[in-house]
Amino acid sequence: MPAKTAPKDFFLHLLAIVTLYASAISFLTLVFQIVNIVFPDPISPEGFYGLSGYHNRIRWAIATLIIVFPVYLWTSWFLSKDLRGHKEKRGLWIRKWLVYFTLFAAALIIIGDLVTLINFFLQGELTIRFILKVVAVLFVAGSVFGYYLHDIKQNKE
């Protein structure tokens, strides 16, 4: 008999995924802005008017990571501990739906990133700035995809 989803389970799983997404977006924002500063685009408005826009986005990304990423780690640790103690909770519908949605979203992001890379390559517009951003997106989406794919395989065993 499958386990029933309690409100605690529902909201903890939702919190884990939302904080994962917020952490991934903040990390990519941080990387993108550092790349923008190190490899400036001379025709961009920030490159012309100064670095204040980049610095503001960096501050927001760091502030978000300082608060949200530890919440993700704690929530994931707590859920992992709970799942070890209650094996039947591995089949909770909310957990399955969020994990599979995350795999789906990560796969779409990886596909879109690679299509964008090939498109820019065919246009002859590859720059170090662009390549670093593509690699960052591939790293984050690939890490998320790999982690949750591994999690699914572990649950089947």
N, C-alpha and C. Protein backbone atom coordinates (compact mmCIF):
# COMPACT_ATOMS: atom_id res chain seq x y z
N MET A 1 0.84 -1.19 0.00
CA MET A 1 0.00 0.00 0.00
C MET A 1 0.89 1.25 0.00
N PRO A 2 0.65 2.18 -0.96
CA PRO A 2 1.48 3.39 -1.00
C PRO A 2 1.22 4.30 0.20
N ALA A 3 2.26 5.02 0.57
CA ALA A 3 2.14 5.93 1.71
C ALA A 3 1.27 7.12 1.34
N LYS A 4 0.55 7.61 2.32
CA LYS A 4 -0.26 8.81 2.09
C LYS A 4 0.61 10.04 2.27
N THR A 5 0.32 11.04 1.46
CA THR A 5 1.07 12.28 1.55
C THR A 5 0.49 13.15 2.64
N ALA A 6 1.30 13.44 3.63
CA ALA A 6 0.90 14.36 4.68
C ALA A 6 1.28 15.78 4.25
N PRO A 7 0.63 16.78 4.80
CA PRO A 7 1.00 18.16 4.45
C PRO A 7 2.49 18.43 4.66
N LYS A 8 3.06 17.85 5.72
CA LYS A 8 4.49 18.03 6.00
C LYS A 8 5.33 17.53 4.82
N ASP A 9 5.01 16.33 4.33
CA ASP A 9 5.75 15.76 3.21
C ASP A 9 5.60 16.62 1.96
N PHE A 10 4.37 17.02 1.68
CA PHE A 10 4.10 17.84 0.50
C PHE A 10 4.93 19.11 0.51
N PHE A 11 4.88 19.86 1.60
CA PHE A 11 5.55 21.15 1.65
C PHE A 11 7.08 21.02 1.77
N LEU A 12 7.56 19.99 2.41
CA LEU A 12 9.02 19.80 2.48
C LEU A 12 9.58 19.45 1.09
N HIS A 13 8.90 18.60 0.36
CA HIS A 13 9.36 18.27 -0.99
C HIS A 13 9.27 19.49 -1.90
N LEU A 14 8.19 20.24 -1.77
CA LEU A 14 8.04 21.46 -2.56
C LEU A 14 9.13 22.48 -2.20
N LEU A 15 9.40 22.63 -0.92
CA LEU A 15 10.46 23.54 -0.47
C LEU A 15 11.81 23.13 -1.03
N ALA A 16 12.10 21.84 -1.03
CA ALA A 16 13.38 21.34 -1.54
C ALA A 16 13.54 21.70 -3.02
N ILE A 17 12.52 21.49 -3.81
CA ILE A 17 12.63 21.76 -5.25
C ILE A 17 12.68 23.26 -5.52
N VAL A 18 11.85 24.04 -4.85
CA VAL A 18 11.86 25.49 -5.07
C VAL A 18 13.21 26.08 -4.68
N THR A 19 13.77 25.63 -3.55
CA THR A 19 15.08 26.16 -3.15
C THR A 19 16.19 25.67 -4.08
N LEU A 20 16.03 24.46 -4.64
CA LEU A 20 16.99 23.99 -5.64
C LEU A 20 16.97 24.90 -6.86
N TYR A 21 15.78 25.19 -7.37
CA TYR A 21 15.66 26.05 -8.55
C TYR A 21 16.21 27.45 -8.27
N ALA A 22 15.86 28.01 -7.12
CA ALA A 22 16.34 29.36 -6.77
C ALA A 22 17.86 29.37 -6.63
N SER A 23 18.42 28.32 -6.06
CA SER A 23 19.87 28.24 -5.91
C SER A 23 20.55 28.12 -7.27
N ALA A 24 20.00 27.29 -8.14
CA ALA A 24 20.58 27.12 -9.48
C ALA A 24 20.54 28.43 -10.26
N ILE A 25 19.42 29.11 -10.21
CA ILE A 25 19.28 30.38 -10.92
C ILE A 25 20.23 31.42 -10.35
N SER A 26 20.34 31.49 -9.03
CA SER A 26 21.24 32.45 -8.40
C SER A 26 22.70 32.15 -8.73
N PHE A 27 23.06 30.87 -8.72
CA PHE A 27 24.43 30.50 -9.07
C PHE A 27 24.74 30.89 -10.51
N LEU A 28 23.82 30.62 -11.42
CA LEU A 28 24.05 30.99 -12.82
C LEU A 28 24.09 32.51 -12.99
N THR A 29 23.25 33.22 -12.27
CA THR A 29 23.30 34.69 -12.32
C THR A 29 24.66 35.19 -11.87
N LEU A 30 25.16 34.62 -10.78
CA LEU A 30 26.47 35.01 -10.27
C LEU A 30 27.56 34.73 -11.30
N VAL A 31 27.57 33.55 -11.87
CA VAL A 31 28.58 33.20 -12.87
C VAL A 31 28.47 34.10 -14.09
N PHE A 32 27.25 34.31 -14.59
CA PHE A 32 27.05 35.16 -15.77
C PHE A 32 27.57 36.58 -15.52
N GLN A 33 27.30 37.13 -14.34
CA GLN A 33 27.72 38.50 -14.07
C GLN A 33 29.24 38.60 -13.91
N ILE A 34 29.85 37.58 -13.33
CA ILE A 34 31.32 37.57 -13.23
C ILE A 34 31.93 37.49 -14.63
N VAL A 35 31.36 36.64 -15.47
CA VAL A 35 31.82 36.55 -16.86
C VAL A 35 31.64 37.90 -17.56
N ASN A 36 30.51 38.55 -17.32
CA ASN A 36 30.26 39.86 -17.95
C ASN A 36 31.29 40.90 -17.52
N ILE A 37 31.75 40.82 -16.27
CA ILE A 37 32.74 41.79 -15.78
C ILE A 37 34.13 41.45 -16.32
N VAL A 38 34.49 40.17 -16.28
CA VAL A 38 35.82 39.75 -16.72
C VAL A 38 35.98 39.89 -18.24
N PHE A 39 34.92 39.59 -18.97
CA PHE A 39 34.93 39.68 -20.43
C PHE A 39 33.82 40.63 -20.88
N PRO A 40 34.05 41.94 -20.73
CA PRO A 40 32.98 42.91 -21.02
C PRO A 40 32.62 42.96 -22.50
N ASP A 41 31.35 43.23 -22.74
CA ASP A 41 30.85 43.44 -24.09
C ASP A 41 30.83 44.95 -24.32
N PRO A 42 31.67 45.46 -25.21
CA PRO A 42 31.78 46.91 -25.36
C PRO A 42 30.51 47.58 -25.87
N ILE A 43 29.62 46.84 -26.49
CA ILE A 43 28.40 47.48 -27.01
C ILE A 43 27.20 47.33 -26.09
N SER A 44 27.38 46.64 -24.92
CA SER A 44 26.25 46.50 -24.00
C SER A 44 26.09 47.78 -23.19
N PRO A 45 24.85 48.06 -22.73
CA PRO A 45 24.64 49.27 -21.93
C PRO A 45 25.48 49.30 -20.65
N GLU A 46 25.63 48.15 -19.98
CA GLU A 46 26.43 48.12 -18.77
C GLU A 46 27.89 48.43 -19.07
N GLY A 47 28.39 47.90 -20.19
CA GLY A 47 29.77 48.17 -20.58
C GLY A 47 30.01 49.64 -20.85
N PHE A 48 28.98 50.32 -21.32
CA PHE A 48 29.10 51.74 -21.64
C PHE A 48 28.89 52.62 -20.42
N TYR A 49 27.90 52.27 -19.58
CA TYR A 49 27.54 53.11 -18.45
C TYR A 49 28.22 52.74 -17.14
N GLY A 50 28.88 51.64 -17.05
CA GLY A 50 29.55 51.24 -15.82
C GLY A 50 29.09 49.87 -15.35
N LEU A 51 29.59 49.47 -14.20
CA LEU A 51 29.38 48.13 -13.70
C LEU A 51 28.31 48.01 -12.62
N SER A 52 27.60 49.09 -12.33
CA SER A 52 26.65 49.05 -11.21
C SER A 52 25.55 48.01 -11.41
N GLY A 53 25.08 47.82 -12.62
CA GLY A 53 24.05 46.81 -12.89
C GLY A 53 24.56 45.42 -12.60
N TYR A 54 25.80 45.13 -13.01
CA TYR A 54 26.39 43.82 -12.74
C TYR A 54 26.56 43.60 -11.24
N HIS A 55 27.06 44.61 -10.56
CA HIS A 55 27.30 44.49 -9.12
C HIS A 55 26.00 44.28 -8.35
N ASN A 56 24.94 44.94 -8.76
CA ASN A 56 23.65 44.77 -8.09
C ASN A 56 23.15 43.33 -8.25
N ARG A 57 23.26 42.78 -9.47
CA ARG A 57 22.83 41.39 -9.70
C ARG A 57 23.72 40.40 -8.94
N ILE A 58 25.00 40.71 -8.81
CA ILE A 58 25.91 39.86 -8.04
C ILE A 58 25.52 39.86 -6.57
N ARG A 59 25.21 41.04 -6.03
CA ARG A 59 24.79 41.12 -4.62
C ARG A 59 23.53 40.30 -4.37
N TRP A 60 22.54 40.42 -5.26
CA TRP A 60 21.30 39.65 -5.12
C TRP A 60 21.57 38.16 -5.20
N ALA A 61 22.40 37.75 -6.14
CA ALA A 61 22.72 36.32 -6.30
C ALA A 61 23.42 35.78 -5.06
N ILE A 62 24.37 36.52 -4.53
CA ILE A 62 25.09 36.08 -3.33
C ILE A 62 24.15 36.02 -2.13
N ALA A 63 23.34 37.05 -1.97
CA ALA A 63 22.39 37.08 -0.85
C ALA A 63 21.43 35.90 -0.93
N THR A 64 20.95 35.61 -2.12
CA THR A 64 20.04 34.48 -2.30
C THR A 64 20.74 33.17 -1.99
N LEU A 65 21.96 33.00 -2.49
CA LEU A 65 22.70 31.76 -2.24
C LEU A 65 23.00 31.57 -0.75
N ILE A 66 23.33 32.64 -0.07
CA ILE A 66 23.66 32.54 1.37
C ILE A 66 22.46 32.05 2.18
N ILE A 67 21.26 32.44 1.79
CA ILE A 67 20.07 32.05 2.54
C ILE A 67 19.44 30.78 1.96
N VAL A 68 19.23 30.74 0.66
CA VAL A 68 18.42 29.69 0.04
C VAL A 68 19.17 28.36 -0.09
N PHE A 69 20.45 28.39 -0.47
CA PHE A 69 21.16 27.13 -0.67
C PHE A 69 21.28 26.32 0.62
N PRO A 70 21.59 26.93 1.77
CA PRO A 70 21.58 26.13 3.01
C PRO A 70 20.19 25.56 3.34
N VAL A 71 19.13 26.29 3.00
CA VAL A 71 17.78 25.77 3.22
C VAL A 71 17.58 24.53 2.35
N TYR A 72 18.05 24.59 1.10
CA TYR A 72 17.96 23.42 0.22
C TYR A 72 18.74 22.24 0.81
N LEU A 73 19.97 22.50 1.26
CA LEU A 73 20.78 21.42 1.83
C LEU A 73 20.11 20.82 3.07
N TRP A 74 19.60 21.66 3.96
CA TRP A 74 18.94 21.16 5.16
C TRP A 74 17.70 20.37 4.81
N THR A 75 16.87 20.91 3.92
CA THR A 75 15.63 20.22 3.53
C THR A 75 15.94 18.88 2.88
N SER A 76 16.94 18.85 2.00
CA SER A 76 17.32 17.60 1.34
C SER A 76 17.85 16.59 2.36
N TRP A 77 18.64 17.05 3.30
CA TRP A 77 19.17 16.18 4.36
C TRP A 77 18.02 15.61 5.19
N PHE A 78 17.10 16.48 5.58
CA PHE A 78 15.97 16.07 6.40
C PHE A 78 15.11 15.06 5.66
N LEU A 79 14.82 15.32 4.37
CA LEU A 79 14.02 14.39 3.58
C LEU A 79 14.74 13.06 3.38
N SER A 80 16.04 13.12 3.15
CA SER A 80 16.82 11.89 2.98
C SER A 80 16.77 11.05 4.25
N LYS A 81 16.93 11.69 5.38
CA LYS A 81 16.86 11.00 6.67
C LYS A 81 15.47 10.38 6.86
N ASP A 82 14.44 11.13 6.52
CA ASP A 82 13.07 10.64 6.64
C ASP A 82 12.82 9.46 5.71
N LEU A 83 13.35 9.52 4.50
CA LEU A 83 13.17 8.43 3.54
C LEU A 83 13.91 7.16 3.96
N ARG A 84 15.06 7.33 4.60
CA ARG A 84 15.78 6.15 5.10
C ARG A 84 14.97 5.44 6.19
N GLY A 85 14.28 6.21 6.99
CA GLY A 85 13.49 5.64 8.08
C GLY A 85 12.12 5.12 7.64
N HIS A 86 11.61 5.66 6.54
CA HIS A 86 10.28 5.28 6.04
C HIS A 86 10.40 4.99 4.55
N LYS A 87 10.81 3.79 4.21
CA LYS A 87 11.04 3.40 2.81
C LYS A 87 9.80 3.60 1.94
N GLU A 88 8.62 3.46 2.53
CA GLU A 88 7.39 3.59 1.75
C GLU A 88 7.18 5.01 1.21
N LYS A 89 7.84 6.00 1.83
CA LYS A 89 7.69 7.39 1.38
C LYS A 89 8.40 7.67 0.06
N ARG A 90 9.25 6.74 -0.36
CA ARG A 90 9.92 6.93 -1.66
C ARG A 90 8.90 6.95 -2.80
N GLY A 91 7.73 6.37 -2.57
CA GLY A 91 6.70 6.33 -3.60
C GLY A 91 5.67 7.44 -3.51
N LEU A 92 5.91 8.44 -2.67
CA LEU A 92 4.96 9.55 -2.55
C LEU A 92 4.78 10.23 -3.91
N TRP A 93 3.54 10.50 -4.26
CA TRP A 93 3.27 11.11 -5.57
C TRP A 93 3.94 12.47 -5.71
N ILE A 94 3.95 13.26 -4.65
CA ILE A 94 4.56 14.60 -4.75
C ILE A 94 6.05 14.49 -5.03
N ARG A 95 6.69 13.55 -4.41
CA ARG A 95 8.12 13.34 -4.63
C ARG A 95 8.39 12.91 -6.06
N LYS A 96 7.61 11.93 -6.53
CA LYS A 96 7.80 11.44 -7.90
C LYS A 96 7.56 12.55 -8.93
N TRP A 97 6.47 13.27 -8.76
CA TRP A 97 6.15 14.33 -9.72
C TRP A 97 7.22 15.42 -9.75
N LEU A 98 7.68 15.85 -8.58
CA LEU A 98 8.69 16.91 -8.55
C LEU A 98 10.03 16.43 -9.09
N VAL A 99 10.41 15.20 -8.79
CA VAL A 99 11.68 14.67 -9.31
C VAL A 99 11.61 14.52 -10.83
N TYR A 100 10.52 13.95 -11.33
CA TYR A 100 10.42 13.78 -12.78
C TYR A 100 10.27 15.11 -13.50
N PHE A 101 9.56 16.07 -12.89
CA PHE A 101 9.48 17.40 -13.50
C PHE A 101 10.86 18.06 -13.55
N THR A 102 11.63 17.88 -12.49
CA THR A 102 12.98 18.45 -12.45
C THR A 102 13.87 17.81 -13.50
N LEU A 103 13.77 16.50 -13.67
CA LEU A 103 14.52 15.82 -14.74
C LEU A 103 14.10 16.34 -16.11
N PHE A 104 12.81 16.50 -16.31
CA PHE A 104 12.28 17.02 -17.57
C PHE A 104 12.80 18.43 -17.85
N ALA A 105 12.71 19.30 -16.84
CA ALA A 105 13.18 20.68 -17.00
C ALA A 105 14.68 20.73 -17.26
N ALA A 106 15.45 19.94 -16.52
CA ALA A 106 16.90 19.92 -16.73
C ALA A 106 17.24 19.42 -18.13
N ALA A 107 16.53 18.40 -18.59
CA ALA A 107 16.77 17.88 -19.95
C ALA A 107 16.46 18.94 -21.00
N LEU A 108 15.35 19.65 -20.83
CA LEU A 108 15.01 20.73 -21.78
C LEU A 108 16.07 21.84 -21.77
N ILE A 109 16.57 22.18 -20.60
CA ILE A 109 17.59 23.22 -20.50
C ILE A 109 18.88 22.77 -21.18
N ILE A 110 19.27 21.52 -20.97
CA ILE A 110 20.48 20.99 -21.62
C ILE A 110 20.30 21.00 -23.13
N ILE A 111 19.16 20.53 -23.61
CA ILE A 111 18.89 20.50 -25.05
C ILE A 111 18.92 21.92 -25.62
N GLY A 112 18.24 22.84 -24.97
CA GLY A 112 18.21 24.23 -25.43
C GLY A 112 19.59 24.86 -25.43
N ASP A 113 20.37 24.56 -24.41
CA ASP A 113 21.73 25.09 -24.32
C ASP A 113 22.60 24.58 -25.46
N LEU A 114 22.49 23.29 -25.75
CA LEU A 114 23.29 22.71 -26.85
C LEU A 114 22.83 23.22 -28.21
N VAL A 115 21.52 23.39 -28.40
CA VAL A 115 21.02 23.96 -29.65
C VAL A 115 21.54 25.38 -29.83
N THR A 116 21.53 26.15 -28.75
CA THR A 116 22.05 27.52 -28.81
C THR A 116 23.54 27.52 -29.14
N LEU A 117 24.29 26.62 -28.54
CA LEU A 117 25.72 26.51 -28.82
C LEU A 117 25.96 26.21 -30.30
N ILE A 118 25.25 25.22 -30.84
CA ILE A 118 25.43 24.86 -32.25
C ILE A 118 25.00 26.01 -33.15
N ASN A 119 23.91 26.67 -32.82
CA ASN A 119 23.44 27.80 -33.62
C ASN A 119 24.49 28.92 -33.68
N PHE A 120 25.05 29.28 -32.52
CA PHE A 120 26.07 30.34 -32.49
C PHE A 120 27.34 29.89 -33.21
N PHE A 121 27.67 28.60 -33.09
CA PHE A 121 28.83 28.07 -33.80
C PHE A 121 28.64 28.19 -35.31
N LEU A 122 27.46 27.82 -35.78
CA LEU A 122 27.18 27.89 -37.22
C LEU A 122 27.14 29.34 -37.72
N GLN A 123 26.81 30.27 -36.84
CA GLN A 123 26.83 31.69 -37.20
C GLN A 123 28.24 32.28 -37.12
N GLY A 124 29.16 31.52 -36.53
CA GLY A 124 30.53 32.01 -36.38
C GLY A 124 30.66 33.06 -35.29
N GLU A 125 29.79 33.00 -34.29
CA GLU A 125 29.77 34.02 -33.25
C GLU A 125 30.15 33.47 -31.88
N LEU A 126 31.06 32.51 -31.83
CA LEU A 126 31.48 31.98 -30.54
C LEU A 126 32.53 32.89 -29.92
N THR A 127 32.26 33.29 -28.70
CA THR A 127 33.23 34.08 -27.94
C THR A 127 33.49 33.35 -26.63
N ILE A 128 34.57 33.70 -25.97
CA ILE A 128 34.88 33.07 -24.69
C ILE A 128 33.77 33.37 -23.68
N ARG A 129 33.23 34.56 -23.76
CA ARG A 129 32.14 34.98 -22.88
C ARG A 129 30.92 34.06 -23.07
N PHE A 130 30.57 33.78 -24.30
CA PHE A 130 29.43 32.92 -24.61
C PHE A 130 29.71 31.48 -24.20
N ILE A 131 30.89 30.98 -24.51
CA ILE A 131 31.24 29.59 -24.20
C ILE A 131 31.22 29.35 -22.69
N LEU A 132 31.73 30.29 -21.91
CA LEU A 132 31.72 30.14 -20.45
C LEU A 132 30.30 30.07 -19.91
N LYS A 133 29.39 30.85 -20.48
CA LYS A 133 28.00 30.83 -20.04
C LYS A 133 27.33 29.50 -20.43
N VAL A 134 27.63 29.00 -21.62
CA VAL A 134 27.08 27.71 -22.04
C VAL A 134 27.58 26.59 -21.12
N VAL A 135 28.87 26.62 -20.81
CA VAL A 135 29.45 25.60 -19.93
C VAL A 135 28.82 25.69 -18.53
N ALA A 136 28.59 26.89 -18.04
CA ALA A 136 27.97 27.05 -16.72
C ALA A 136 26.56 26.46 -16.70
N VAL A 137 25.78 26.73 -17.74
CA VAL A 137 24.42 26.18 -17.81
C VAL A 137 24.47 24.66 -17.91
N LEU A 138 25.38 24.14 -18.74
CA LEU A 138 25.52 22.69 -18.87
C LEU A 138 25.93 22.05 -17.54
N PHE A 139 26.83 22.70 -16.83
CA PHE A 139 27.28 22.18 -15.54
C PHE A 139 26.12 22.11 -14.54
N VAL A 140 25.38 23.20 -14.41
CA VAL A 140 24.29 23.25 -13.43
C VAL A 140 23.17 22.28 -13.82
N ALA A 141 22.69 22.37 -15.05
CA ALA A 141 21.59 21.50 -15.48
C ALA A 141 22.04 20.03 -15.48
N GLY A 142 23.25 19.77 -15.92
CA GLY A 142 23.77 18.41 -15.93
C GLY A 142 23.93 17.85 -14.53
N SER A 143 24.37 18.68 -13.60
CA SER A 143 24.51 18.24 -12.20
C SER A 143 23.15 17.90 -11.60
N VAL A 144 22.18 18.75 -11.83
CA VAL A 144 20.83 18.50 -11.31
C VAL A 144 20.26 17.23 -11.95
N PHE A 145 20.40 17.12 -13.26
CA PHE A 145 19.90 15.95 -13.97
C PHE A 145 20.56 14.67 -13.46
N GLY A 146 21.87 14.70 -13.34
CA GLY A 146 22.62 13.53 -12.87
C GLY A 146 22.25 13.14 -11.46
N TYR A 147 22.11 14.13 -10.58
CA TYR A 147 21.78 13.84 -9.19
C TYR A 147 20.42 13.17 -9.07
N TYR A 148 19.41 13.73 -9.73
CA TYR A 148 18.07 13.17 -9.61
C TYR A 148 17.90 11.88 -10.40
N LEU A 149 18.63 11.70 -11.47
CA LEU A 149 18.61 10.42 -12.18
C LEU A 149 19.22 9.33 -11.30
N HIS A 150 20.31 9.65 -10.63
CA HIS A 150 20.92 8.72 -9.68
C HIS A 150 19.95 8.40 -8.55
N ASP A 151 19.23 9.40 -8.07
CA ASP A 151 18.26 9.21 -7.00
C ASP A 151 17.17 8.24 -7.44
N ILE A 152 16.68 8.38 -8.66
CA ILE A 152 15.64 7.49 -9.18
C ILE A 152 16.17 6.06 -9.29
N LYS A 153 17.39 5.92 -9.79
CA LYS A 153 17.97 4.57 -9.92
C LYS A 153 18.16 3.92 -8.56
N GLN A 154 18.56 4.69 -7.57
CA GLN A 154 18.72 4.15 -6.21
C GLN A 154 17.39 3.68 -5.65
N ASN A 155 16.33 4.41 -5.94
CA ASN A 155 15.01 4.05 -5.42
C ASN A 155 14.46 2.79 -6.03
N LYS A 156 14.87 2.49 -7.25
CA LYS A 156 14.37 1.27 -7.91
C LYS A 156 15.04 0.03 -7.35
N GLU A 157 16.21 0.20 -6.75
CA GLU A 157 16.93 -0.96 -6.21
C GLU A 157 16.34 -1.42 -4.90
